[in-house]
């Protein structure tokens, strides 16, 4: 299982320039998102995708009792 870097609230996060994926997990509820990004000319294109499978695994790993079936996930 991937481990996450820990950041303080409002702390900037440095990500590789031009293209990549950043995976984030909420410190309160454990919800995991993948942030896919790339630069298209002068535009930063970002797609944020909820990762339900990774969320369940992460929540189990950190001991959170919230489950996706409790959240009306489609």
C-alpha atoms as a PDB file:
ATOM      1  CA  UNK A   1       0.000   0.000   0.000  1.00  0.00           C
ATOM      2  CA  UNK A   2       1.235   3.471  -0.861  1.00  0.00           C
ATOM      3  CA  UNK A   3       2.084   5.707   2.038  1.00  0.00           C
ATOM      4  CA  UNK A   4       1.248   9.389   1.897  1.00  0.00           C
ATOM      5  CA  UNK A   5       3.363  12.422   2.604  1.00  0.00           C
ATOM      6  CA  UNK A   6       1.937  14.502   5.439  1.00  0.00           C
ATOM      7  CA  UNK A   7       1.360  18.218   4.986  1.00  0.00           C
ATOM      8  CA  UNK A   8       0.152  20.919   7.329  1.00  0.00           C
ATOM      9  CA  UNK A   9      -3.070  22.737   6.514  1.00  0.00           C
ATOM     10  CA  UNK A  10      -2.537  25.374   3.789  1.00  0.00           C
ATOM     11  CA  UNK A  11       1.012  24.130   3.120  1.00  0.00           C
ATOM     12  CA  UNK A  12       1.932  24.273  -0.587  1.00  0.00           C
ATOM     13  CA  UNK A  13       2.532  20.928  -2.293  1.00  0.00           C
ATOM     14  CA  UNK A  14       5.250  20.774  -4.936  1.00  0.00           C
ATOM     15  CA  UNK A  15       4.490  18.473  -7.870  1.00  0.00           C
ATOM     16  CA  UNK A  16       6.611  17.568 -10.908  1.00  0.00           C
ATOM     17  CA  UNK A  17       6.259  20.032 -13.772  1.00  0.00           C
ATOM     18  CA  UNK A  18       4.427  19.294 -17.034  1.00  0.00           C
ATOM     19  CA  UNK A  19       2.762  15.917 -16.436  1.00  0.00           C
ATOM     20  CA  UNK A  20       2.026  13.456 -13.691  1.00  0.00           C
ATOM     21  CA  UNK A  21      -0.326  12.147 -11.056  1.00  0.00           C
ATOM     22  CA  UNK A  22      -0.662  13.228  -7.458  1.00  0.00           C
ATOM     23  CA  UNK A  23      -2.547  10.920  -5.065  1.00  0.00           C
ATOM     24  CA  UNK A  24      -4.132  12.535  -2.019  1.00  0.00           C
ATOM     25  CA  UNK A  25      -5.959  11.165   1.021  1.00  0.00           C
ATOM     26  CA  UNK A  26      -8.062  13.225   3.427  1.00  0.00           C
ATOM     27  CA  UNK A  27      -6.670  13.175   6.961  1.00  0.00           C
ATOM     28  CA  UNK A  28     -10.193  13.226   8.456  1.00  0.00           C
ATOM     29  CA  UNK A  29     -12.133  10.702   6.373  1.00  0.00           C
ATOM     30  CA  UNK A  30      -9.446   8.876   4.361  1.00  0.00           C
ATOM     31  CA  UNK A  31     -11.064   9.602   0.979  1.00  0.00           C
ATOM     32  CA  UNK A  32      -8.452   9.090  -1.771  1.00  0.00           C
ATOM     33  CA  UNK A  33      -8.333  11.005  -5.058  1.00  0.00           C
ATOM     34  CA  UNK A  34      -5.963  10.782  -8.001  1.00  0.00           C
ATOM     35  CA  UNK A  35      -5.130  14.165  -9.532  1.00  0.00           C
ATOM     36  CA  UNK A  36      -3.977  13.679 -13.127  1.00  0.00           C
ATOM     37  CA  UNK A  37      -2.467  16.744 -14.741  1.00  0.00           C
ATOM     38  CA  UNK A  38      -0.589  17.914 -17.796  1.00  0.00           C
ATOM     39  CA  UNK A  39       0.288  21.199 -19.485  1.00  0.00           C
ATOM     40  CA  UNK A  40      -1.381  21.934 -22.822  1.00  0.00           C
ATOM     41  CA  UNK A  41       0.245  25.079 -24.211  1.00  0.00           C
ATOM     42  CA  UNK A  42      -0.433  27.778 -21.618  1.00  0.00           C
ATOM     43  CA  UNK A  43      -3.110  25.741 -19.816  1.00  0.00           C
ATOM     44  CA  UNK A  44      -2.772  23.390 -16.874  1.00  0.00           C
ATOM     45  CA  UNK A  45      -5.266  20.547 -17.385  1.00  0.00           C
ATOM     46  CA  UNK A  46      -6.331  18.755 -14.186  1.00  0.00           C
ATOM     47  CA  UNK A  47      -8.620  15.741 -13.838  1.00  0.00           C
ATOM     48  CA  UNK A  48      -9.505  14.655 -10.299  1.00  0.00           C
ATOM     49  CA  UNK A  49     -10.819  11.116  -9.905  1.00  0.00           C
ATOM     50  CA  UNK A  50     -12.122   9.510  -6.729  1.00  0.00           C
ATOM     51  CA  UNK A  51     -10.337   6.189  -6.151  1.00  0.00           C
ATOM     52  CA  UNK A  52     -12.887   4.019  -4.324  1.00  0.00           C
ATOM     53  CA  UNK A  53     -10.717   0.890  -4.167  1.00  0.00           C
ATOM     54  CA  UNK A  54      -7.713   2.779  -2.782  1.00  0.00           C
ATOM     55  CA  UNK A  55     -10.002   4.650  -0.349  1.00  0.00           C
ATOM     56  CA  UNK A  56     -11.277   1.385   1.169  1.00  0.00           C
ATOM     57  CA  UNK A  57      -7.721  -0.010   1.504  1.00  0.00           C
ATOM     58  CA  UNK A  58      -6.391   3.233   2.978  1.00  0.00           C
ATOM     59  CA  UNK A  59      -9.235   3.515   5.493  1.00  0.00           C
ATOM     60  CA  UNK A  60      -8.639  -0.058   6.673  1.00  0.00           C
ATOM     61  CA  UNK A  61      -4.892   0.600   6.937  1.00  0.00           C
ATOM     62  CA  UNK A  62      -5.339   3.717   9.088  1.00  0.00           C
ATOM     63  CA  UNK A  63      -8.203   2.281  11.149  1.00  0.00           C
ATOM     64  CA  UNK A  64     -11.111   4.426   9.942  1.00  0.00           C
ATOM     65  CA  UNK A  65     -14.534   2.798  10.250  1.00  0.00           C
ATOM     66  CA  UNK A  66     -16.141   4.800   7.406  1.00  0.00           C
ATOM     67  CA  UNK A  67     -17.101   2.571   4.456  1.00  0.00           C
ATOM     68  CA  UNK A  68     -18.030   3.587   0.926  1.00  0.00           C
ATOM     69  CA  UNK A  69     -21.393   1.800   1.094  1.00  0.00           C
ATOM     70  CA  UNK A  70     -22.301   4.243   3.893  1.00  0.00           C
ATOM     71  CA  UNK A  71     -21.716   7.233   1.603  1.00  0.00           C
ATOM     72  CA  UNK A  72     -24.146   6.513  -1.275  1.00  0.00           C
ATOM     73  CA  UNK A  73     -21.296   6.229  -3.781  1.00  0.00           C
ATOM     74  CA  UNK A  74     -22.355   5.682  -7.376  1.00  0.00           C
END
